[in-house]
Amino acid sequence: QVQLVESGGGLVQPGGSLRLSCATSGSIVSINTMCWYRRAPGKEREFIAYITPGGGTNYADSVKGRFTISRDNAANTVYLQMNSLKPEDTAVYYCNKVPSGLPWGQGTQVTVSS
């Protein structure tokens, strides 16, 4: 069973940056569209960004221009570079593949606060 392990979260001040990682236990990153999602307190999980096997990317309007998704096929890892962070970016961040998502990982907490 392929596992997803997110890391890199933490507490950061508004305007700061973080880089999240999603490590997978199988060679799925190069052949699947990989996505980042987040769940803010009291809200549903929402889509943030995806990257296709061909390198195409797309972002939610709320993060466009601030976040960048990338991947390292050899390391079976997907990244999310987050810049110009805002308090409303506070959430637990998750990754998964589409279609046919895998069991969700534990996520990584991002808290943006002064």
N, C-alpha and C. Protein backbone atom coordinates (compact mmCIF):
# COMPACT_ATOMS: atom_id res chain seq x y z
N GLN A 1 0.85 -1.18 0.00
CA GLN A 1 0.00 0.00 0.00
C GLN A 1 0.89 1.24 0.00
N VAL A 2 0.68 2.09 -1.00
CA VAL A 2 1.46 3.32 -1.08
C VAL A 2 1.04 4.25 0.05
N GLN A 3 2.02 4.86 0.69
CA GLN A 3 1.75 5.81 1.77
C GLN A 3 2.18 7.21 1.37
N LEU A 4 1.47 8.18 1.94
CA LEU A 4 1.78 9.59 1.71
C LEU A 4 2.21 10.19 3.04
N VAL A 5 3.37 10.85 3.06
CA VAL A 5 3.88 11.45 4.30
C VAL A 5 4.21 12.90 4.03
N GLU A 6 3.40 13.79 4.61
CA GLU A 6 3.62 15.22 4.45
C GLU A 6 4.49 15.76 5.58
N SER A 7 5.31 16.75 5.26
CA SER A 7 6.17 17.37 6.27
C SER A 7 6.52 18.79 5.84
N GLY A 8 7.15 19.53 6.75
CA GLY A 8 7.62 20.86 6.44
C GLY A 8 6.79 22.00 6.99
N GLY A 9 5.67 21.66 7.62
CA GLY A 9 4.84 22.71 8.19
C GLY A 9 5.47 23.34 9.42
N GLY A 10 4.80 24.36 9.94
CA GLY A 10 5.29 25.02 11.13
C GLY A 10 4.59 26.34 11.35
N LEU A 11 5.13 27.10 12.27
CA LEU A 11 4.60 28.43 12.59
C LEU A 11 5.45 29.47 11.86
N VAL A 12 4.79 30.35 11.14
CA VAL A 12 5.50 31.37 10.37
C VAL A 12 4.72 32.68 10.47
N GLN A 13 5.44 33.78 10.41
CA GLN A 13 4.80 35.08 10.45
C GLN A 13 4.20 35.43 9.10
N PRO A 14 3.18 36.27 9.08
CA PRO A 14 2.62 36.74 7.80
C PRO A 14 3.72 37.30 6.91
N GLY A 15 3.66 36.93 5.63
CA GLY A 15 4.69 37.33 4.68
C GLY A 15 5.83 36.36 4.56
N GLY A 16 5.87 35.39 5.44
CA GLY A 16 6.94 34.41 5.43
C GLY A 16 6.74 33.31 4.41
N SER A 17 7.66 32.35 4.42
CA SER A 17 7.65 31.25 3.45
C SER A 17 7.85 29.92 4.15
N LEU A 18 7.32 28.89 3.53
CA LEU A 18 7.55 27.51 3.95
C LEU A 18 7.60 26.65 2.70
N ARG A 19 8.30 25.53 2.82
CA ARG A 19 8.31 24.54 1.75
C ARG A 19 7.84 23.22 2.30
N LEU A 20 6.73 22.75 1.79
CA LEU A 20 6.17 21.47 2.22
C LEU A 20 6.65 20.35 1.30
N SER A 21 6.78 19.17 1.88
CA SER A 21 7.16 17.98 1.12
C SER A 21 6.12 16.90 1.30
N CYS A 22 5.93 16.12 0.27
CA CYS A 22 5.05 14.95 0.32
C CYS A 22 5.84 13.77 -0.22
N ALA A 23 6.27 12.93 0.66
CA ALA A 23 7.04 11.75 0.26
C ALA A 23 6.10 10.57 0.07
N THR A 24 6.32 9.83 -1.00
CA THR A 24 5.50 8.66 -1.26
C THR A 24 6.35 7.40 -1.18
N SER A 25 5.70 6.30 -0.83
CA SER A 25 6.44 5.05 -0.66
C SER A 25 6.52 4.26 -1.94
N GLY A 26 5.84 4.72 -2.99
CA GLY A 26 5.90 4.04 -4.28
C GLY A 26 6.25 5.02 -5.38
N SER A 27 6.53 4.49 -6.56
CA SER A 27 6.92 5.34 -7.69
C SER A 27 5.68 5.88 -8.39
N ILE A 28 4.93 6.70 -7.68
CA ILE A 28 3.68 7.20 -8.24
C ILE A 28 3.78 8.62 -8.74
N VAL A 29 4.79 9.35 -8.27
CA VAL A 29 4.85 10.78 -8.55
C VAL A 29 5.01 11.05 -10.04
N SER A 30 5.79 10.25 -10.73
CA SER A 30 6.11 10.53 -12.14
C SER A 30 4.97 10.17 -13.08
N ILE A 31 4.05 9.31 -12.64
CA ILE A 31 3.04 8.81 -13.56
C ILE A 31 1.63 9.23 -13.20
N ASN A 32 1.47 10.05 -12.16
CA ASN A 32 0.16 10.48 -11.72
C ASN A 32 0.11 12.00 -11.58
N THR A 33 -1.08 12.53 -11.72
CA THR A 33 -1.29 13.92 -11.34
C THR A 33 -1.34 13.98 -9.82
N MET A 34 -0.46 14.78 -9.26
CA MET A 34 -0.36 14.91 -7.81
C MET A 34 -0.91 16.26 -7.38
N CYS A 35 -1.63 16.24 -6.27
CA CYS A 35 -2.32 17.44 -5.80
C CYS A 35 -1.92 17.77 -4.36
N TRP A 36 -2.05 19.03 -4.03
CA TRP A 36 -2.01 19.50 -2.65
C TRP A 36 -3.40 20.02 -2.29
N TYR A 37 -3.80 19.72 -1.06
CA TYR A 37 -5.06 20.19 -0.51
C TYR A 37 -4.77 20.79 0.86
N ARG A 38 -5.77 21.47 1.41
CA ARG A 38 -5.65 21.93 2.79
C ARG A 38 -7.03 21.93 3.44
N ARG A 39 -7.00 21.81 4.78
CA ARG A 39 -8.24 21.89 5.55
C ARG A 39 -8.01 22.88 6.68
N ALA A 40 -8.72 23.99 6.58
CA ALA A 40 -8.65 25.00 7.64
C ALA A 40 -9.61 24.63 8.76
N PRO A 41 -9.39 25.15 9.95
CA PRO A 41 -10.28 24.82 11.07
C PRO A 41 -11.73 25.13 10.74
N GLY A 42 -12.59 24.13 10.94
CA GLY A 42 -14.02 24.32 10.72
C GLY A 42 -14.45 24.34 9.27
N LYS A 43 -13.53 24.02 8.35
CA LYS A 43 -13.87 24.05 6.93
C LYS A 43 -13.61 22.71 6.27
N GLU A 44 -14.15 22.54 5.06
CA GLU A 44 -13.92 21.34 4.30
C GLU A 44 -12.52 21.38 3.68
N ARG A 45 -12.03 20.19 3.35
CA ARG A 45 -10.75 20.12 2.64
C ARG A 45 -10.91 20.77 1.27
N GLU A 46 -9.94 21.58 0.86
CA GLU A 46 -10.04 22.27 -0.43
C GLU A 46 -8.79 22.02 -1.27
N PHE A 47 -8.99 22.03 -2.58
CA PHE A 47 -7.91 21.88 -3.52
C PHE A 47 -7.03 23.12 -3.53
N ILE A 48 -5.70 22.90 -3.62
CA ILE A 48 -4.75 24.01 -3.68
C ILE A 48 -4.02 24.05 -5.00
N ALA A 49 -3.46 22.91 -5.43
CA ALA A 49 -2.64 22.90 -6.63
C ALA A 49 -2.49 21.47 -7.14
N TYR A 50 -2.22 21.35 -8.44
CA TYR A 50 -1.86 20.05 -8.99
C TYR A 50 -0.72 20.19 -9.97
N ILE A 51 -0.04 19.05 -10.19
CA ILE A 51 1.00 18.96 -11.21
C ILE A 51 0.79 17.65 -11.95
N THR A 52 0.79 17.72 -13.28
CA THR A 52 0.54 16.55 -14.11
C THR A 52 1.86 15.83 -14.40
N PRO A 53 1.78 14.60 -14.92
CA PRO A 53 3.02 13.91 -15.31
C PRO A 53 3.84 14.71 -16.32
N GLY A 54 3.18 15.49 -17.14
CA GLY A 54 3.89 16.29 -18.13
C GLY A 54 4.42 17.61 -17.60
N GLY A 55 4.14 17.88 -16.35
CA GLY A 55 4.65 19.11 -15.73
C GLY A 55 3.68 20.27 -15.72
N GLY A 56 2.49 20.07 -16.26
CA GLY A 56 1.50 21.12 -16.22
C GLY A 56 1.03 21.35 -14.79
N THR A 57 0.74 22.60 -14.47
CA THR A 57 0.32 22.94 -13.12
C THR A 57 -0.94 23.80 -13.15
N ASN A 58 -1.65 23.77 -12.05
CA ASN A 58 -2.82 24.62 -11.88
C ASN A 58 -2.97 24.92 -10.40
N TYR A 59 -3.53 26.08 -10.10
CA TYR A 59 -3.63 26.53 -8.71
C TYR A 59 -5.01 27.09 -8.42
N ALA A 60 -5.42 26.97 -7.17
CA ALA A 60 -6.61 27.66 -6.71
C ALA A 60 -6.35 29.16 -6.75
N ASP A 61 -7.38 29.93 -7.02
CA ASP A 61 -7.22 31.38 -7.11
C ASP A 61 -6.64 31.97 -5.82
N SER A 62 -6.96 31.35 -4.70
CA SER A 62 -6.53 31.89 -3.41
C SER A 62 -5.02 31.83 -3.20
N VAL A 63 -4.32 30.98 -3.97
CA VAL A 63 -2.87 30.83 -3.78
C VAL A 63 -2.07 31.14 -5.03
N LYS A 64 -2.76 31.42 -6.12
CA LYS A 64 -2.08 31.68 -7.40
C LYS A 64 -1.12 32.85 -7.25
N GLY A 65 0.09 32.66 -7.75
CA GLY A 65 1.10 33.70 -7.67
C GLY A 65 1.92 33.67 -6.39
N ARG A 66 1.49 32.89 -5.42
CA ARG A 66 2.20 32.80 -4.14
C ARG A 66 2.77 31.40 -3.88
N PHE A 67 2.07 30.38 -4.35
CA PHE A 67 2.47 28.99 -4.13
C PHE A 67 2.97 28.39 -5.44
N THR A 68 3.92 27.47 -5.33
CA THR A 68 4.45 26.76 -6.48
C THR A 68 4.56 25.27 -6.17
N ILE A 69 3.94 24.45 -7.01
CA ILE A 69 4.03 23.00 -6.84
C ILE A 69 5.13 22.47 -7.76
N SER A 70 5.88 21.50 -7.27
CA SER A 70 6.93 20.87 -8.08
C SER A 70 7.10 19.44 -7.62
N ARG A 71 7.94 18.70 -8.33
CA ARG A 71 8.14 17.31 -7.93
C ARG A 71 9.55 16.86 -8.27
N ASP A 72 9.99 15.83 -7.57
CA ASP A 72 11.26 15.17 -7.84
C ASP A 72 10.93 13.70 -8.07
N ASN A 73 10.91 13.28 -9.32
CA ASN A 73 10.51 11.91 -9.64
C ASN A 73 11.45 10.88 -9.00
N ALA A 74 12.72 11.17 -9.02
CA ALA A 74 13.69 10.21 -8.48
C ALA A 74 13.50 10.02 -6.98
N ALA A 75 13.07 11.08 -6.30
CA ALA A 75 12.86 11.01 -4.85
C ALA A 75 11.43 10.67 -4.50
N ASN A 76 10.58 10.49 -5.51
CA ASN A 76 9.16 10.19 -5.27
C ASN A 76 8.53 11.20 -4.31
N THR A 77 8.82 12.47 -4.54
CA THR A 77 8.39 13.51 -3.63
C THR A 77 7.79 14.68 -4.41
N VAL A 78 6.73 15.22 -3.84
CA VAL A 78 6.08 16.42 -4.38
C VAL A 78 6.29 17.54 -3.36
N TYR A 79 6.50 18.75 -3.86
CA TYR A 79 6.76 19.90 -3.00
C TYR A 79 5.72 20.98 -3.20
N LEU A 80 5.57 21.80 -2.18
CA LEU A 80 4.74 23.00 -2.30
C LEU A 80 5.52 24.15 -1.66
N GLN A 81 6.03 25.04 -2.50
CA GLN A 81 6.70 26.24 -2.01
C GLN A 81 5.65 27.30 -1.78
N MET A 82 5.59 27.79 -0.55
CA MET A 82 4.57 28.76 -0.17
C MET A 82 5.25 30.06 0.24
N ASN A 83 4.97 31.10 -0.49
CA ASN A 83 5.54 32.43 -0.22
C ASN A 83 4.42 33.41 0.13
N SER A 84 4.81 34.53 0.69
CA SER A 84 3.85 35.59 1.04
C SER A 84 2.67 35.02 1.81
N LEU A 85 2.96 34.23 2.81
CA LEU A 85 1.90 33.55 3.55
C LEU A 85 1.02 34.54 4.30
N LYS A 86 -0.26 34.17 4.38
CA LYS A 86 -1.27 35.00 5.04
C LYS A 86 -1.89 34.20 6.18
N PRO A 87 -2.48 34.86 7.16
CA PRO A 87 -3.16 34.13 8.24
C PRO A 87 -4.22 33.16 7.72
N GLU A 88 -4.87 33.51 6.63
CA GLU A 88 -5.90 32.62 6.07
C GLU A 88 -5.34 31.37 5.41
N ASP A 89 -4.02 31.28 5.30
CA ASP A 89 -3.39 30.05 4.81
C ASP A 89 -3.23 29.02 5.93
N THR A 90 -3.54 29.39 7.14
CA THR A 90 -3.45 28.46 8.27
C THR A 90 -4.37 27.27 8.04
N ALA A 91 -3.79 26.07 8.05
CA ALA A 91 -4.55 24.85 7.76
C ALA A 91 -3.62 23.66 7.92
N VAL A 92 -4.21 22.48 7.86
CA VAL A 92 -3.45 21.25 7.70
C VAL A 92 -3.38 20.95 6.21
N TYR A 93 -2.17 20.72 5.72
CA TYR A 93 -1.94 20.52 4.29
C TYR A 93 -1.71 19.03 4.00
N TYR A 94 -2.33 18.57 2.93
CA TYR A 94 -2.27 17.16 2.52
C TYR A 94 -1.92 17.06 1.04
N CYS A 95 -1.37 15.92 0.66
CA CYS A 95 -1.19 15.65 -0.76
C CYS A 95 -1.92 14.36 -1.10
N ASN A 96 -2.18 14.17 -2.38
CA ASN A 96 -2.77 12.94 -2.86
C ASN A 96 -2.68 12.92 -4.38
N LYS A 97 -3.00 11.80 -4.96
CA LYS A 97 -3.00 11.69 -6.40
C LYS A 97 -4.44 11.66 -6.90
N VAL A 98 -4.61 12.02 -8.15
CA VAL A 98 -5.90 11.91 -8.80
C VAL A 98 -5.70 11.24 -10.14
N PRO A 99 -6.73 10.51 -10.63
CA PRO A 99 -7.93 10.10 -9.89
C PRO A 99 -7.60 8.96 -8.94
N SER A 100 -8.61 8.42 -8.34
CA SER A 100 -8.44 7.28 -7.43
C SER A 100 -7.42 7.60 -6.35
N GLY A 101 -7.80 8.50 -5.46
CA GLY A 101 -6.90 8.91 -4.40
C GLY A 101 -6.52 7.77 -3.48
N LEU A 102 -5.36 7.93 -2.88
CA LEU A 102 -4.84 6.99 -1.89
C LEU A 102 -5.38 7.35 -0.51
N PRO A 103 -5.22 6.45 0.48
CA PRO A 103 -5.57 6.83 1.85
C PRO A 103 -4.80 8.09 2.25
N TRP A 104 -5.49 9.01 2.91
CA TRP A 104 -4.87 10.27 3.26
C TRP A 104 -3.76 10.07 4.29
N GLY A 105 -2.72 10.88 4.17
CA GLY A 105 -1.67 10.90 5.18
C GLY A 105 -2.12 11.72 6.38
N GLN A 106 -1.18 11.97 7.28
CA GLN A 106 -1.53 12.70 8.50
C GLN A 106 -1.56 14.21 8.28
N GLY A 107 -1.01 14.64 7.17
CA GLY A 107 -0.97 16.07 6.88
C GLY A 107 0.14 16.76 7.66
N THR A 108 0.34 18.03 7.34
CA THR A 108 1.32 18.84 8.06
C THR A 108 0.69 20.20 8.37
N GLN A 109 0.80 20.61 9.63
CA GLN A 109 0.14 21.83 10.09
C GLN A 109 0.95 23.06 9.70
N VAL A 110 0.27 24.02 9.09
CA VAL A 110 0.85 25.32 8.79
C VAL A 110 0.05 26.38 9.56
N THR A 111 0.75 27.15 10.35
CA THR A 111 0.12 28.21 11.12
C THR A 111 0.80 29.53 10.78
N VAL A 112 0.01 30.47 10.29
CA VAL A 112 0.54 31.78 9.92
C VAL A 112 0.00 32.80 10.92
N SER A 113 0.88 33.30 11.75
CA SER A 113 0.44 34.19 12.81
C SER A 113 1.61 35.04 13.28
N SER A 114 1.29 36.25 13.70
CA SER A 114 2.33 37.12 14.27
C SER A 114 2.36 36.99 15.79
